[in-house]
Amino acid sequence: MNDKKSIVLRDVKVRENALMKNVYLWMILGLAVTAGVSFAVSQSVTLMRFVLLNPLVTIGVFVAQIILVIMLSGRVERLRTGTAISLFIGYSALTGVTLSSIFLAFTGTSIAISFVSALSVFAAGAIYGAVTKKNLRSWGGFLTMGLFGLVIASLINMFFASSGLNFLVSIVGVVLFTALTAWDSQRIADMNAQYGQEMTSEELTKIGILGALDLYLDFINIFLYLLRIFGRSDN
């Protein structure tokens, strides 16, 4: 068993397959935690009032999410494996708290349609990033500028509340995060290659969690922008 595991860690291509499997398993677990927490909170009037009507709680959850992302993105290699796992699960749970309001704002049908659509769009981006022979590293600068532009446009629309601008921002958001999905997928493979034959099993797990976080964020954003496009509410 140890010999087989050692071969997987030394063989870059075989290890890449194992890494991507870990990435998607952790991502699925994170999404499951987010969905479970989100639905559970939405079913409790007390919890919903506590979250939605208490600005300090909202700000606290938001700040905690930022801190967890920074810790995972910038320090994952120095963290213990158990700590990295706990931070990822914790972030997924906090995201579930922040997303709980969508069950009040949108119909179940709208949420389901947006989720299935997000799965399809995300899969297209991930598959392209995995199979393309084109080097996507050059996309990084353009994607970063696109993110800044998206944030600025969203802030502007907070004041003007334009349905046309909201639709345009949502379309751009879907396209941008689909491109980010392809870019992140290839970047995970590049990270694996950079280790050569020196990656340990603990590093494999932690890099898998980091990759899962990146793709998790891509998927969540695709879903939310599609929800803005397809979402319907009875309220």
Protein backbone atom coordinates (compact mmCIF):
# COMPACT_ATOMS: atom_id res chain seq x y z
CA MET A 1 0.00 0.00 0.00
CA ASN A 2 2.80 2.41 0.94
CA ASP A 3 4.69 1.57 -2.27
CA LYS A 4 1.59 2.26 -4.34
CA LYS A 5 1.04 5.55 -2.55
CA SER A 6 4.69 6.49 -3.07
CA ILE A 7 4.41 5.81 -6.81
CA VAL A 8 1.34 8.07 -7.03
CA LEU A 9 3.20 10.88 -5.26
CA ARG A 10 6.31 10.58 -7.45
CA ASP A 11 4.54 10.25 -10.82
CA VAL A 12 3.47 13.81 -11.70
CA LYS A 13 0.73 12.81 -14.16
CA VAL A 14 -0.76 10.10 -11.95
CA ARG A 15 -0.59 12.48 -9.00
CA GLU A 16 -2.40 15.15 -11.02
CA ASN A 17 -5.35 12.80 -11.47
CA ALA A 18 -5.35 12.03 -7.74
CA LEU A 19 -5.10 15.74 -6.91
CA MET A 20 -8.01 16.72 -9.16
CA LYS A 21 -10.09 13.93 -7.65
CA ASN A 22 -9.35 15.31 -4.20
CA VAL A 23 -10.13 18.85 -5.36
CA TYR A 24 -13.60 17.93 -6.59
CA LEU A 25 -14.36 15.74 -3.57
CA TRP A 26 -13.50 18.60 -1.21
CA MET A 27 -15.44 21.04 -3.38
CA ILE A 28 -18.54 18.81 -3.34
CA LEU A 29 -18.24 18.47 0.44
CA GLY A 30 -17.97 22.25 0.77
CA LEU A 31 -21.04 22.82 -1.41
CA ALA A 32 -22.97 20.20 0.57
CA VAL A 33 -22.11 21.94 3.84
CA THR A 34 -23.09 25.32 2.38
CA ALA A 35 -26.41 24.01 1.06
CA GLY A 36 -27.22 22.21 4.32
CA VAL A 37 -26.42 25.18 6.55
CA SER A 38 -28.18 27.62 4.22
CA PHE A 39 -31.38 25.57 4.15
CA ALA A 40 -31.30 24.88 7.90
CA VAL A 41 -30.90 28.57 8.78
CA SER A 42 -33.65 29.57 6.33
CA GLN A 43 -36.08 27.23 8.11
CA SER A 44 -35.58 28.96 11.47
CA VAL A 45 -37.37 32.28 11.92
CA THR A 46 -35.24 33.02 14.98
CA LEU A 47 -31.96 32.43 13.14
CA MET A 48 -33.08 34.39 10.09
CA ARG A 49 -34.02 37.37 12.23
CA PHE A 50 -30.72 37.10 14.09
CA VAL A 51 -28.74 37.06 10.84
CA LEU A 52 -30.72 39.55 8.75
CA LEU A 53 -31.71 42.11 11.39
CA ASN A 54 -28.41 42.29 13.24
CA PRO A 55 -25.83 44.31 11.28
CA LEU A 56 -23.02 43.28 13.64
CA VAL A 57 -23.68 39.60 12.89
CA THR A 58 -23.73 40.25 9.13
CA ILE A 59 -20.48 42.21 9.27
CA GLY A 60 -18.90 39.64 11.60
CA VAL A 61 -19.73 36.74 9.28
CA PHE A 62 -18.42 38.68 6.28
CA VAL A 63 -15.14 39.57 8.02
CA ALA A 64 -14.71 35.98 9.23
CA GLN A 65 -15.12 34.71 5.66
CA ILE A 66 -12.45 37.09 4.40
CA ILE A 67 -10.06 36.04 7.17
CA LEU A 68 -10.58 32.34 6.43
CA VAL A 69 -9.99 32.83 2.70
CA ILE A 70 -6.80 34.79 3.37
CA MET A 71 -5.55 32.13 5.78
CA LEU A 72 -6.25 29.30 3.36
CA SER A 73 -4.97 31.08 0.26
CA GLY A 74 -1.81 32.54 1.78
CA ARG A 75 -0.82 30.06 4.49
CA VAL A 76 -2.21 26.66 3.50
CA GLU A 77 1.23 25.07 3.09
CA ARG A 78 2.20 26.11 6.64
CA LEU A 79 -1.05 24.93 8.22
CA ARG A 80 -1.62 21.52 9.72
CA THR A 81 -3.76 19.33 7.48
CA GLY A 82 -6.52 19.16 10.09
CA THR A 83 -6.49 22.94 10.47
CA ALA A 84 -6.77 23.47 6.70
CA ILE A 85 -9.71 21.09 6.55
CA SER A 86 -11.43 22.81 9.49
CA LEU A 87 -10.96 26.25 7.93
CA PHE A 88 -12.41 25.11 4.62
CA ILE A 89 -15.45 23.50 6.26
CA GLY A 90 -15.86 26.57 8.47
CA TYR A 91 -15.79 28.86 5.46
CA SER A 92 -18.35 26.70 3.67
CA ALA A 93 -20.64 26.85 6.72
CA LEU A 94 -20.35 30.64 7.00
CA THR A 95 -21.15 30.98 3.31
CA GLY A 96 -24.25 28.89 3.99
CA VAL A 97 -25.29 31.43 6.62
CA THR A 98 -24.86 34.36 4.21
CA LEU A 99 -26.76 32.56 1.44
CA SER A 100 -29.68 31.51 3.64
CA SER A 101 -31.69 34.56 2.57
CA ILE A 102 -31.99 33.29 -1.02
CA PHE A 103 -34.60 30.78 0.20
CA LEU A 104 -36.73 33.74 1.25
CA ALA A 105 -35.99 35.95 -1.73
CA PHE A 106 -36.42 33.39 -4.54
CA THR A 107 -38.72 30.49 -5.32
CA GLY A 108 -37.45 26.93 -5.00
CA THR A 109 -37.89 26.44 -8.74
CA SER A 110 -35.71 29.46 -9.52
CA ILE A 111 -33.01 28.23 -7.17
CA ALA A 112 -33.09 24.73 -8.69
CA ILE A 113 -32.93 26.04 -12.27
CA SER A 114 -30.03 28.35 -11.40
CA PHE A 115 -28.17 25.55 -9.61
CA VAL A 116 -28.48 23.09 -12.50
CA SER A 117 -27.50 25.82 -14.97
CA ALA A 118 -24.49 26.70 -12.80
CA LEU A 119 -23.41 23.05 -12.78
CA SER A 120 -23.52 22.94 -16.57
CA VAL A 121 -21.64 26.21 -17.04
CA PHE A 122 -19.07 25.32 -14.38
CA ALA A 123 -18.49 21.88 -15.92
CA ALA A 124 -17.91 23.46 -19.33
CA GLY A 125 -15.28 25.81 -17.90
CA ALA A 126 -13.57 23.09 -15.84
CA ILE A 127 -13.43 20.64 -18.75
CA TYR A 128 -12.02 23.29 -21.07
CA GLY A 129 -9.33 24.18 -18.54
CA ALA A 130 -8.44 20.51 -18.10
CA VAL A 131 -8.24 19.47 -21.77
CA THR A 132 -7.09 22.57 -23.63
CA LYS A 133 -3.51 22.65 -24.85
CA LYS A 134 -3.57 26.44 -24.72
CA ASN A 135 -1.62 28.07 -21.91
CA LEU A 136 -4.17 30.10 -19.92
CA ARG A 137 -1.66 31.85 -17.65
CA SER A 138 -1.90 35.01 -19.75
CA TRP A 139 -5.57 35.29 -18.78
CA GLY A 140 -4.66 36.21 -15.20
CA GLY A 141 -4.24 39.95 -15.74
CA PHE A 142 -7.38 40.29 -17.84
CA LEU A 143 -9.44 38.29 -15.35
CA THR A 144 -8.21 40.44 -12.47
CA MET A 145 -9.15 43.62 -14.32
CA GLY A 146 -12.51 42.07 -15.14
CA LEU A 147 -13.14 41.37 -11.45
CA PHE A 148 -12.36 44.97 -10.52
CA GLY A 149 -14.66 46.21 -13.28
CA LEU A 150 -17.41 43.88 -12.13
CA VAL A 151 -17.16 45.13 -8.54
CA ILE A 152 -17.22 48.77 -9.66
CA ALA A 153 -20.24 48.21 -11.92
CA SER A 154 -22.06 46.41 -9.09
CA LEU A 155 -21.38 49.28 -6.68
CA ILE A 156 -22.62 51.82 -9.21
CA ASN A 157 -25.80 49.85 -9.74
CA MET A 158 -26.46 49.87 -5.99
CA PHE A 159 -27.24 53.58 -6.39
CA PHE A 160 -29.05 53.52 -9.74
CA ALA A 161 -30.84 50.16 -9.37
CA SER A 162 -30.97 49.74 -13.15
CA SER A 163 -32.51 46.44 -14.26
CA GLY A 164 -30.62 46.70 -17.56
CA LEU A 165 -27.26 47.22 -15.85
CA ASN A 166 -28.07 44.45 -13.37
CA PHE A 167 -28.72 42.03 -16.25
CA LEU A 168 -25.51 43.09 -18.02
CA VAL A 169 -23.45 42.72 -14.83
CA SER A 170 -24.94 39.27 -14.28
CA ILE A 171 -24.08 38.12 -17.82
CA VAL A 172 -20.54 39.45 -17.51
CA GLY A 173 -20.25 37.80 -14.09
CA VAL A 174 -21.20 34.38 -15.47
CA VAL A 175 -18.73 34.71 -18.36
CA LEU A 176 -15.95 35.99 -16.10
CA PHE A 177 -16.25 33.26 -13.48
CA THR A 178 -16.58 30.58 -16.15
CA ALA A 179 -13.25 31.80 -17.54
CA LEU A 180 -11.85 31.81 -14.00
CA THR A 181 -12.99 28.19 -13.62
CA ALA A 182 -10.94 27.20 -16.69
CA TRP A 183 -7.98 29.26 -15.48
CA ASP A 184 -8.10 27.82 -11.96
CA SER A 185 -8.38 24.26 -13.28
CA GLN A 186 -5.21 24.68 -15.31
CA ARG A 187 -3.48 26.50 -12.44
CA ILE A 188 -4.11 23.56 -10.11
CA ALA A 189 -2.41 21.26 -12.62
CA ASP A 190 0.49 23.72 -12.86
CA MET A 191 0.84 23.77 -9.06
CA ASN A 192 1.07 19.98 -9.11
CA ALA A 193 3.78 20.05 -11.78
CA GLN A 194 5.83 22.58 -9.80
CA TYR A 195 6.33 20.04 -7.02
CA GLY A 196 8.05 17.60 -9.38
CA GLN A 197 8.54 14.31 -7.52
CA GLU A 198 8.74 15.92 -4.09
CA MET A 199 5.09 16.25 -2.99
CA THR A 200 4.08 14.55 0.27
CA SER A 201 0.64 13.12 1.04
CA GLU A 202 -0.03 16.02 3.44
CA GLU A 203 0.85 18.53 0.72
CA LEU A 204 -1.41 16.68 -1.71
CA THR A 205 -4.32 17.08 0.71
CA LYS A 206 -3.63 20.76 1.43
CA ILE A 207 -3.16 21.68 -2.24
CA GLY A 208 -6.39 19.80 -2.93
CA ILE A 209 -8.20 21.93 -0.35
CA LEU A 210 -6.75 25.13 -1.81
CA GLY A 211 -7.83 24.09 -5.31
CA ALA A 212 -11.26 23.15 -3.99
CA LEU A 213 -11.62 26.61 -2.41
CA ASP A 214 -10.82 28.35 -5.70
CA LEU A 215 -13.28 26.26 -7.73
CA TYR A 216 -15.87 26.45 -4.94
CA LEU A 217 -15.76 30.26 -5.13
CA ASP A 218 -16.04 30.15 -8.93
CA PHE A 219 -19.10 27.91 -8.73
CA ILE A 220 -20.82 29.95 -6.02
CA ASN A 221 -20.39 33.14 -8.03
CA ILE A 222 -21.67 31.54 -11.24
CA PHE A 223 -24.70 30.27 -9.32
CA LEU A 224 -25.45 33.67 -7.75
CA TYR A 225 -25.17 35.54 -11.06
CA LEU A 226 -27.41 33.01 -12.78
CA LEU A 227 -29.86 33.34 -9.89
CA ARG A 228 -30.00 37.07 -10.59
CA ILE A 229 -30.87 36.26 -14.21
CA PHE A 230 -33.34 33.40 -13.71
CA GLY A 231 -34.51 34.20 -10.17
CA ARG A 232 -38.20 34.70 -9.53
CA SER A 233 -39.81 35.72 -6.27
CA ASP A 234 -43.31 35.64 -4.89
CA ASN A 235 -42.41 38.44 -2.45
